[in-house]
Structures are given as structure tokens and as C-alpha cells.
């Protein structure tokens, strides 16, 4: 995988709305086919293409393949978030909660709040709304220009 390949994939994603669903998946599939057989990144990109075009049922096995074959870095974290979201959309919110609850303990990065947001949706689906609101308020608190401390305390109070 080269920087050129990464740039071409990024460009394809930037232009997703300029393609119909099938054409976009074909484009991503062609790019993924440039990688070695069994590539975790290829499986991940294909999963994303199915997911982004409304086919979470076809994305889930590809996310799982990508993770099982050693996906690393931000793509690994994205795969966990997107897998959990797809599973939730397929009517299995408890599995989504389990995946993302485990992900809360992963190394912190710029996707922490995305983990919390998708987890909040899944928690709502399983009847744990107060915990969901606590997660979202807690995640939002650090982005506020004021009231960060108060909002963080309110978030904790919702689940104590």
C-alpha cells in the first residue's frame, strides 16, 4: 500500500455522492483489489462501501474479516465503531453495546467521542437511556467553551 493508493481511496470517498451505489462499490472494490490477497485493509474498505450504500448485512462479515486478519490503527477503531453500528441497524443492539463498551477501554484517540455516540444509540435501543444521555453529555462537555466541569458532573450524576 502506498501513499498514492491512500490518496486515491480518500478521493473516492470524497466523491461518494457523485456515484450511484453500485458504481461506488465497484470503484472501491477495484482499489481494494490492488492490495494483496487477504488484506485486512481491503476487507475494511469493501465493508465501508457496503455500509455507506445501505447494505450493513454485507458489511458485517467484511468488518469481521478485517478485524480477524489484523486490521490496525485508526482503521481498526473505525471498523469496531462501524461494525457495532451495522449490527445495531440489523436489530442486534446488545451485541453493539458489548463491542463498544469494550472499545471504551481502548487507547484514546480522536474517535473516542464517536465510540460514545454510537454506544449511546445502542444503549437507547436496549432501554438504558440515562446511561446513553450520560455518555453523550460527557463526550460533549469537553467541547463546550464554558460549563465543561458542570456538564461532566451532570453526566456522572445521571448514572450514579
N, C-alpha and C. Protein backbone atom coordinates (compact mmCIF):
# COMPACT_ATOMS: atom_id res chain seq x y z
N UNK A 1 0.85 -1.18 0.00
CA UNK A 1 0.00 0.00 0.00
C UNK A 1 0.89 1.24 0.00
N UNK A 2 0.56 2.16 -0.85
CA UNK A 2 1.38 3.36 -1.00
C UNK A 2 0.57 4.60 -0.62
N UNK A 3 1.28 5.71 -0.48
CA UNK A 3 0.60 6.98 -0.23
C UNK A 3 -0.34 7.31 -1.38
N UNK A 4 0.08 6.96 -2.61
CA UNK A 4 -0.77 7.19 -3.77
C UNK A 4 -2.08 6.42 -3.65
N UNK A 5 -2.00 5.18 -3.20
CA UNK A 5 -3.21 4.37 -3.03
C UNK A 5 -4.12 5.01 -1.99
N UNK A 6 -3.54 5.42 -0.87
CA UNK A 6 -4.32 6.07 0.19
C UNK A 6 -4.99 7.34 -0.34
N UNK A 7 -4.28 8.10 -1.15
CA UNK A 7 -4.86 9.33 -1.72
C UNK A 7 -6.00 9.01 -2.67
N UNK A 8 -5.85 7.95 -3.46
CA UNK A 8 -6.92 7.57 -4.38
C UNK A 8 -8.15 7.07 -3.64
N UNK A 9 -7.94 6.34 -2.55
CA UNK A 9 -9.08 5.88 -1.73
C UNK A 9 -9.76 7.09 -1.09
N UNK A 10 -8.98 8.01 -0.54
CA UNK A 10 -9.55 9.21 0.08
C UNK A 10 -10.34 10.02 -0.95
N UNK A 11 -9.82 10.12 -2.16
CA UNK A 11 -10.52 10.85 -3.22
C UNK A 11 -11.83 10.15 -3.58
N UNK A 12 -11.81 8.84 -3.63
CA UNK A 12 -13.05 8.09 -3.94
C UNK A 12 -14.10 8.36 -2.87
N UNK A 13 -13.69 8.32 -1.61
CA UNK A 13 -14.65 8.59 -0.53
C UNK A 13 -15.15 10.03 -0.56
N UNK A 14 -14.30 10.95 -0.94
CA UNK A 14 -14.71 12.36 -1.02
C UNK A 14 -15.75 12.56 -2.12
N UNK A 15 -15.77 11.67 -3.09
CA UNK A 15 -16.69 11.80 -4.22
C UNK A 15 -17.84 10.79 -4.17
N UNK A 16 -18.09 10.20 -3.02
CA UNK A 16 -19.11 9.15 -2.92
C UNK A 16 -20.47 9.59 -3.49
N UNK A 17 -20.86 10.82 -3.25
CA UNK A 17 -22.17 11.29 -3.69
C UNK A 17 -22.26 11.53 -5.19
N UNK A 18 -21.14 11.45 -5.87
CA UNK A 18 -21.12 11.63 -7.32
C UNK A 18 -21.32 10.31 -8.07
N UNK A 19 -21.47 9.21 -7.33
CA UNK A 19 -21.63 7.89 -7.92
C UNK A 19 -22.93 7.26 -7.43
N UNK A 20 -23.52 6.39 -8.26
CA UNK A 20 -24.62 5.61 -7.72
C UNK A 20 -24.01 4.52 -6.84
N UNK A 21 -24.86 3.83 -6.08
CA UNK A 21 -24.36 2.86 -5.10
C UNK A 21 -23.48 1.79 -5.73
N UNK A 22 -23.94 1.21 -6.82
CA UNK A 22 -23.20 0.11 -7.44
C UNK A 22 -21.87 0.62 -7.99
N UNK A 23 -21.88 1.74 -8.68
CA UNK A 23 -20.65 2.29 -9.25
C UNK A 23 -19.64 2.59 -8.15
N UNK A 24 -20.11 3.11 -7.01
CA UNK A 24 -19.20 3.41 -5.92
C UNK A 24 -18.58 2.13 -5.36
N UNK A 25 -19.40 1.11 -5.16
CA UNK A 25 -18.86 -0.15 -4.64
C UNK A 25 -17.86 -0.77 -5.62
N UNK A 26 -18.12 -0.66 -6.90
CA UNK A 26 -17.19 -1.16 -7.92
C UNK A 26 -15.87 -0.39 -7.83
N UNK A 27 -15.95 0.92 -7.68
CA UNK A 27 -14.75 1.74 -7.57
C UNK A 27 -13.91 1.31 -6.37
N UNK A 28 -14.54 1.16 -5.21
CA UNK A 28 -13.82 0.75 -4.01
C UNK A 28 -13.28 -0.67 -4.18
N UNK A 29 -14.06 -1.54 -4.78
CA UNK A 29 -13.61 -2.91 -4.99
C UNK A 29 -12.37 -2.96 -5.87
N UNK A 30 -12.32 -2.13 -6.90
CA UNK A 30 -11.14 -2.08 -7.77
C UNK A 30 -9.92 -1.60 -7.00
N UNK A 31 -10.10 -0.59 -6.19
CA UNK A 31 -8.99 -0.11 -5.36
C UNK A 31 -8.54 -1.18 -4.37
N UNK A 32 -9.50 -1.84 -3.73
CA UNK A 32 -9.17 -2.90 -2.77
C UNK A 32 -8.45 -4.06 -3.45
N UNK A 33 -8.79 -4.34 -4.69
CA UNK A 33 -8.17 -5.44 -5.42
C UNK A 33 -6.69 -5.19 -5.71
N UNK A 34 -6.25 -3.95 -5.60
CA UNK A 34 -4.84 -3.64 -5.79
C UNK A 34 -3.98 -4.09 -4.62
N UNK A 35 -4.61 -4.38 -3.49
CA UNK A 35 -3.88 -4.81 -2.30
C UNK A 35 -3.69 -6.32 -2.34
N UNK A 36 -2.76 -6.85 -1.57
CA UNK A 36 -2.52 -8.30 -1.57
C UNK A 36 -3.76 -9.09 -1.13
N UNK A 37 -3.88 -10.29 -1.62
CA UNK A 37 -4.99 -11.16 -1.22
C UNK A 37 -4.99 -11.30 0.30
N UNK A 38 -6.16 -11.30 0.89
CA UNK A 38 -6.28 -11.43 2.34
C UNK A 38 -5.99 -10.17 3.11
N UNK A 39 -5.89 -9.04 2.43
CA UNK A 39 -5.58 -7.77 3.09
C UNK A 39 -6.73 -7.33 4.00
N UNK A 40 -6.40 -7.04 5.23
CA UNK A 40 -7.39 -6.53 6.18
C UNK A 40 -7.92 -5.18 5.73
N UNK A 41 -7.06 -4.37 5.16
CA UNK A 41 -7.47 -3.04 4.70
C UNK A 41 -8.45 -3.17 3.54
N UNK A 42 -8.20 -4.10 2.63
CA UNK A 42 -9.12 -4.32 1.51
C UNK A 42 -10.50 -4.73 2.02
N UNK A 43 -10.54 -5.66 2.97
CA UNK A 43 -11.82 -6.09 3.53
C UNK A 43 -12.53 -4.92 4.21
N UNK A 44 -11.77 -4.10 4.93
CA UNK A 44 -12.35 -2.95 5.61
C UNK A 44 -12.95 -1.96 4.61
N UNK A 45 -12.20 -1.62 3.58
CA UNK A 45 -12.70 -0.65 2.59
C UNK A 45 -13.95 -1.18 1.89
N UNK A 46 -13.97 -2.46 1.58
CA UNK A 46 -15.16 -3.06 0.97
C UNK A 46 -16.34 -3.00 1.94
N UNK A 47 -16.08 -3.29 3.21
CA UNK A 47 -17.14 -3.23 4.23
C UNK A 47 -17.71 -1.82 4.30
N UNK A 48 -16.84 -0.83 4.32
CA UNK A 48 -17.28 0.56 4.38
C UNK A 48 -18.15 0.91 3.19
N UNK A 49 -17.77 0.43 2.02
CA UNK A 49 -18.54 0.73 0.81
C UNK A 49 -19.94 0.11 0.89
N UNK A 50 -20.03 -1.12 1.36
CA UNK A 50 -21.36 -1.73 1.52
C UNK A 50 -22.17 -0.97 2.57
N UNK A 51 -21.52 -0.65 3.68
CA UNK A 51 -22.20 0.05 4.77
C UNK A 51 -22.71 1.41 4.32
N UNK A 52 -21.87 2.14 3.63
CA UNK A 52 -22.21 3.51 3.21
C UNK A 52 -23.25 3.56 2.10
N UNK A 53 -23.51 2.41 1.49
CA UNK A 53 -24.53 2.36 0.44
C UNK A 53 -25.75 1.56 0.88
N UNK A 54 -25.91 1.43 2.20
CA UNK A 54 -27.13 0.85 2.74
C UNK A 54 -27.20 -0.66 2.81
N UNK A 55 -26.05 -1.32 2.91
CA UNK A 55 -26.04 -2.78 2.97
C UNK A 55 -25.25 -3.28 4.18
N UNK A 56 -25.74 -2.96 5.39
CA UNK A 56 -24.99 -3.38 6.58
C UNK A 56 -24.86 -4.90 6.69
N UNK A 57 -25.83 -5.62 6.15
CA UNK A 57 -25.77 -7.08 6.20
C UNK A 57 -24.56 -7.63 5.45
N UNK A 58 -24.16 -6.97 4.39
CA UNK A 58 -22.98 -7.39 3.63
C UNK A 58 -21.70 -6.79 4.21
N UNK A 59 -21.83 -5.71 4.93
CA UNK A 59 -20.66 -5.07 5.54
C UNK A 59 -20.16 -5.85 6.76
N UNK A 60 -21.08 -6.36 7.57
CA UNK A 60 -20.69 -7.01 8.83
C UNK A 60 -19.64 -8.10 8.64
N UNK A 61 -19.86 -9.07 7.74
CA UNK A 61 -18.83 -10.11 7.61
C UNK A 61 -17.47 -9.58 7.14
N UNK A 62 -17.49 -8.51 6.35
CA UNK A 62 -16.23 -7.93 5.90
C UNK A 62 -15.52 -7.18 7.02
N UNK A 63 -16.27 -6.48 7.87
CA UNK A 63 -15.65 -5.87 9.05
C UNK A 63 -15.03 -6.94 9.92
N UNK A 64 -15.77 -8.03 10.13
CA UNK A 64 -15.26 -9.12 10.97
C UNK A 64 -13.99 -9.72 10.36
N UNK A 65 -13.99 -9.91 9.04
CA UNK A 65 -12.80 -10.43 8.36
C UNK A 65 -11.62 -9.47 8.54
N UNK A 66 -11.86 -8.18 8.37
CA UNK A 66 -10.79 -7.20 8.51
C UNK A 66 -10.20 -7.25 9.92
N UNK A 67 -11.05 -7.33 10.91
CA UNK A 67 -10.57 -7.37 12.29
C UNK A 67 -9.84 -8.67 12.59
N UNK A 68 -10.36 -9.77 12.09
CA UNK A 68 -9.74 -11.08 12.33
C UNK A 68 -8.40 -11.23 11.62
N UNK A 69 -8.21 -10.50 10.53
CA UNK A 69 -6.95 -10.62 9.78
C UNK A 69 -5.95 -9.53 10.15
N UNK A 70 -6.21 -8.83 11.23
CA UNK A 70 -5.18 -7.95 11.78
C UNK A 70 -5.25 -6.48 11.44
N UNK A 71 -6.43 -5.95 11.19
CA UNK A 71 -6.57 -4.52 10.94
C UNK A 71 -6.02 -3.75 12.14
N UNK A 72 -5.29 -2.67 11.88
CA UNK A 72 -4.65 -1.92 12.95
C UNK A 72 -4.95 -0.43 12.84
N UNK A 73 -4.52 0.31 13.83
CA UNK A 73 -4.60 1.76 13.82
C UNK A 73 -6.01 2.30 13.82
N UNK A 74 -6.17 3.46 13.21
CA UNK A 74 -7.49 4.10 13.17
C UNK A 74 -8.50 3.27 12.39
N UNK A 75 -8.04 2.56 11.38
CA UNK A 75 -8.98 1.71 10.64
C UNK A 75 -9.56 0.64 11.56
N UNK A 76 -8.76 0.10 12.46
CA UNK A 76 -9.28 -0.89 13.41
C UNK A 76 -10.38 -0.27 14.27
N UNK A 77 -10.12 0.90 14.76
CA UNK A 77 -11.10 1.58 15.61
C UNK A 77 -12.35 1.92 14.82
N UNK A 78 -12.17 2.39 13.61
CA UNK A 78 -13.32 2.68 12.75
C UNK A 78 -14.11 1.41 12.48
N UNK A 79 -13.42 0.30 12.25
CA UNK A 79 -14.10 -0.97 11.99
C UNK A 79 -14.95 -1.38 13.18
N UNK A 80 -14.45 -1.21 14.37
CA UNK A 80 -15.22 -1.55 15.57
C UNK A 80 -16.48 -0.68 15.67
N UNK A 81 -16.31 0.61 15.46
CA UNK A 81 -17.45 1.54 15.53
C UNK A 81 -18.47 1.20 14.46
N UNK A 82 -18.00 1.02 13.25
CA UNK A 82 -18.91 0.79 12.12
C UNK A 82 -19.54 -0.60 12.20
N UNK A 83 -18.80 -1.60 12.66
CA UNK A 83 -19.37 -2.93 12.87
C UNK A 83 -20.48 -2.86 13.89
N UNK A 84 -20.22 -2.19 15.01
CA UNK A 84 -21.23 -2.06 16.06
C UNK A 84 -22.46 -1.32 15.55
N UNK A 85 -22.26 -0.28 14.77
CA UNK A 85 -23.37 0.47 14.21
C UNK A 85 -24.19 -0.40 13.25
N UNK A 86 -23.50 -1.15 12.40
CA UNK A 86 -24.20 -2.02 11.45
C UNK A 86 -24.98 -3.11 12.17
N UNK A 87 -24.36 -3.71 13.18
CA UNK A 87 -25.04 -4.74 13.96
C UNK A 87 -26.28 -4.16 14.63
N UNK A 88 -26.15 -2.97 15.16
CA UNK A 88 -27.30 -2.29 15.76
C UNK A 88 -28.40 -2.10 14.73
N UNK A 89 -28.02 -1.63 13.55
CA UNK A 89 -29.00 -1.40 12.49
C UNK A 89 -29.66 -2.69 12.01
N UNK A 90 -29.01 -3.80 12.24
CA UNK A 90 -29.58 -5.10 11.87
C UNK A 90 -30.43 -5.69 13.00
N UNK A 91 -30.65 -4.89 14.04
CA UNK A 91 -31.55 -5.32 15.12
C UNK A 91 -30.88 -6.09 16.24
N UNK A 92 -29.57 -5.93 16.39
CA UNK A 92 -28.84 -6.63 17.44
C UNK A 92 -28.11 -5.63 18.34
N UNK A 93 -28.87 -4.74 19.00
CA UNK A 93 -28.23 -3.67 19.77
C UNK A 93 -27.39 -4.16 20.94
N UNK A 94 -27.75 -5.27 21.56
CA UNK A 94 -26.96 -5.75 22.70
C UNK A 94 -25.54 -6.11 22.27
N UNK A 95 -25.40 -6.70 21.10
CA UNK A 95 -24.06 -7.00 20.57
C UNK A 95 -23.29 -5.71 20.34
N UNK A 96 -23.97 -4.70 19.84
CA UNK A 96 -23.36 -3.40 19.61
C UNK A 96 -22.86 -2.82 20.93
N UNK A 97 -23.69 -2.90 21.97
CA UNK A 97 -23.30 -2.41 23.29
C UNK A 97 -22.04 -3.13 23.77
N UNK A 98 -21.98 -4.44 23.59
CA UNK A 98 -20.83 -5.21 24.05
C UNK A 98 -19.55 -4.81 23.32
N UNK A 99 -19.63 -4.67 22.00
CA UNK A 99 -18.45 -4.27 21.21
C UNK A 99 -17.94 -2.91 21.65
N UNK A 100 -18.86 -1.96 21.77
CA UNK A 100 -18.43 -0.59 22.06
C UNK A 100 -18.07 -0.36 23.52
N UNK A 101 -18.69 -1.10 24.43
CA UNK A 101 -18.30 -1.00 25.83
C UNK A 101 -16.85 -1.44 25.98
N UNK A 102 -16.48 -2.51 25.31
CA UNK A 102 -15.08 -2.96 25.33
C UNK A 102 -14.18 -1.91 24.70
N UNK A 103 -14.67 -1.23 23.68
CA UNK A 103 -13.87 -0.23 22.96
C UNK A 103 -13.63 1.02 23.82
N UNK A 104 -14.45 1.25 24.84
CA UNK A 104 -14.21 2.39 25.74
C UNK A 104 -12.86 2.28 26.43
N UNK A 105 -12.37 1.05 26.58
CA UNK A 105 -11.08 0.84 27.25
C UNK A 105 -9.90 0.84 26.29
N UNK A 106 -10.15 1.00 25.00
CA UNK A 106 -9.07 1.02 24.02
C UNK A 106 -8.26 2.30 24.19
N UNK A 107 -7.09 2.31 23.58
CA UNK A 107 -6.25 3.50 23.63
C UNK A 107 -7.02 4.70 23.08
N UNK A 108 -6.94 5.81 23.78
CA UNK A 108 -7.68 7.01 23.41
C UNK A 108 -7.16 7.59 22.10
N UNK A 109 -8.10 8.07 21.28
CA UNK A 109 -7.75 8.75 20.03
C UNK A 109 -8.90 9.67 19.64
N UNK A 110 -8.83 10.23 18.44
CA UNK A 110 -9.85 11.18 18.00
C UNK A 110 -11.21 10.54 17.76
N UNK A 111 -11.30 9.22 17.85
CA UNK A 111 -12.58 8.54 17.65
C UNK A 111 -13.31 8.21 18.95
N UNK A 112 -12.77 8.62 20.08
CA UNK A 112 -13.40 8.33 21.37
C UNK A 112 -14.86 8.78 21.41
N UNK A 113 -15.12 10.00 20.96
CA UNK A 113 -16.49 10.52 21.02
C UNK A 113 -17.41 9.78 20.05
N UNK A 114 -16.88 9.32 18.93
CA UNK A 114 -17.69 8.53 18.00
C UNK A 114 -18.09 7.20 18.65
N UNK A 115 -17.16 6.59 19.37
CA UNK A 115 -17.48 5.36 20.11
C UNK A 115 -18.63 5.64 21.06
N UNK A 116 -18.54 6.72 21.80
CA UNK A 116 -19.57 7.05 22.78
C UNK A 116 -20.91 7.37 22.13
N UNK A 117 -20.91 8.05 21.01
CA UNK A 117 -22.17 8.38 20.33
C UNK A 117 -22.88 7.14 19.82
N UNK A 118 -22.14 6.25 19.17
CA UNK A 118 -22.77 5.03 18.66
C UNK A 118 -23.19 4.15 19.82
N UNK A 119 -22.38 4.09 20.86
CA UNK A 119 -22.76 3.34 22.06
C UNK A 119 -24.03 3.91 22.67
N UNK A 120 -24.16 5.22 22.70
CA UNK A 120 -25.37 5.85 23.25
C UNK A 120 -26.61 5.43 22.46
N UNK A 121 -26.50 5.36 21.15
CA UNK A 121 -27.63 4.90 20.33
C UNK A 121 -28.01 3.46 20.68
N UNK A 122 -27.00 2.60 20.80
CA UNK A 122 -27.25 1.20 21.14
C UNK A 122 -27.83 1.07 22.54
N UNK A 123 -27.32 1.85 23.49
CA UNK A 123 -27.85 1.82 24.85
C UNK A 123 -29.32 2.23 24.86
N UNK A 124 -29.67 3.21 24.06
CA UNK A 124 -31.07 3.62 23.97
C UNK A 124 -31.93 2.47 23.47
N UNK A 125 -31.42 1.74 22.49
CA UNK A 125 -32.17 0.61 21.93
C UNK A 125 -32.39 -0.52 22.93
N UNK A 126 -31.51 -0.63 23.92
CA UNK A 126 -31.66 -1.70 24.92
C UNK A 126 -32.27 -1.17 26.22
N UNK A 127 -32.82 0.05 26.19
CA UNK A 127 -33.55 0.58 27.34
C UNK A 127 -32.68 1.23 28.40
N UNK A 128 -31.48 1.61 28.07
CA UNK A 128 -30.57 2.23 29.03
C UNK A 128 -30.35 3.70 28.66
N UNK A 129 -31.47 4.44 28.60
CA UNK A 129 -31.43 5.82 28.12
C UNK A 129 -30.62 6.76 29.00
N UNK A 130 -30.72 6.63 30.32
CA UNK A 130 -29.97 7.54 31.20
C UNK A 130 -28.47 7.38 30.99
N UNK A 131 -28.04 6.15 30.84
CA UNK A 131 -26.63 5.89 30.59
C UNK A 131 -26.22 6.48 29.23
N UNK A 132 -27.11 6.37 28.25
CA UNK A 132 -26.85 6.93 26.92
C UNK A 132 -26.68 8.44 26.99
N UNK A 133 -27.59 9.11 27.67
CA UNK A 133 -27.50 10.58 27.79
C UNK A 133 -26.24 10.96 28.56
N UNK A 134 -25.91 10.21 29.57
CA UNK A 134 -24.69 10.48 30.33
C UNK A 134 -23.46 10.42 29.43
N UNK A 135 -23.38 9.40 28.60
CA UNK A 135 -22.25 9.28 27.68
C UNK A 135 -22.15 10.47 26.73
N UNK A 136 -23.28 10.84 26.15
CA UNK A 136 -23.28 11.92 25.17
C UNK A 136 -22.96 13.26 25.82
N UNK A 137 -23.56 13.54 26.97
CA UNK A 137 -23.27 14.80 27.66
C UNK A 137 -21.81 14.84 28.09
N UNK A 138 -21.31 13.72 28.59
CA UNK A 138 -19.90 13.65 28.98
C UNK A 138 -18.97 13.89 27.80
N UNK A 139 -19.31 13.30 26.65
CA UNK A 139 -18.49 13.49 25.46
C UNK A 139 -18.55 14.93 24.96
N UNK A 140 -19.72 15.51 25.02
CA UNK A 140 -19.91 16.88 24.54
C UNK A 140 -19.25 17.91 25.47
N UNK A 141 -19.23 17.61 26.75
CA UNK A 141 -18.76 18.58 27.75
C UNK A 141 -17.39 19.15 27.42
N UNK A 142 -16.48 18.31 26.99
CA UNK A 142 -15.11 18.81 26.76
C UNK A 142 -14.99 19.71 25.54
N UNK A 143 -16.03 19.76 24.72
CA UNK A 143 -16.01 20.60 23.53
C UNK A 143 -16.67 21.97 23.75
N UNK A 144 -17.29 22.14 24.89
CA UNK A 144 -18.02 23.37 25.17
C UNK A 144 -17.05 24.50 25.55
N UNK A 145 -17.35 25.73 25.16
CA UNK A 145 -16.48 26.85 25.53
C UNK A 145 -16.58 27.20 27.02
N UNK A 146 -17.69 26.82 27.63
CA UNK A 146 -17.91 27.04 29.07
C UNK A 146 -18.71 25.85 29.60
N UNK A 147 -18.79 25.75 30.89
CA UNK A 147 -19.62 24.75 31.57
C UNK A 147 -19.10 23.31 31.46
N UNK A 148 -17.85 23.13 31.05
CA UNK A 148 -17.31 21.78 30.91
C UNK A 148 -17.41 21.00 32.22
N UNK A 149 -16.97 21.62 33.30
CA UNK A 149 -16.97 20.95 34.60
C UNK A 149 -18.38 20.61 35.04
N UNK A 150 -19.30 21.56 34.91
CA UNK A 150 -20.69 21.33 35.32
C UNK A 150 -21.32 20.20 34.50
N UNK A 151 -21.13 20.24 33.19
CA UNK A 151 -21.73 19.21 32.33
C UNK A 151 -21.15 17.84 32.62
N UNK A 152 -19.84 17.77 32.86
CA UNK A 152 -19.21 16.49 33.19
C UNK A 152 -19.79 15.95 34.50
N UNK A 153 -20.02 16.84 35.48
CA UNK A 153 -20.63 16.42 36.74
C UNK A 153 -22.07 15.96 36.54
N UNK A 154 -22.83 16.67 35.73
CA UNK A 154 -24.21 16.27 35.44
C UNK A 154 -24.24 14.91 34.74
N UNK A 155 -23.31 14.70 33.85
CA UNK A 155 -23.24 13.41 33.13
C UNK A 155 -23.01 12.27 34.12
N UNK A 156 -22.08 12.46 35.06
CA UNK A 156 -21.82 11.44 36.06
C UNK A 156 -23.04 11.21 36.95
N UNK A 157 -23.72 12.29 37.31
CA UNK A 157 -24.87 12.19 38.20
C UNK A 157 -26.01 11.38 37.58
N UNK A 158 -26.12 11.39 36.28
CA UNK A 158 -27.19 10.64 35.62
C UNK A 158 -27.09 9.13 35.85
N UNK A 159 -25.90 8.64 36.09
CA UNK A 159 -25.72 7.20 36.25
C UNK A 159 -25.31 6.77 37.65
N UNK A 160 -25.20 7.72 38.57
CA UNK A 160 -24.84 7.36 39.96
C UNK A 160 -26.05 6.98 40.75
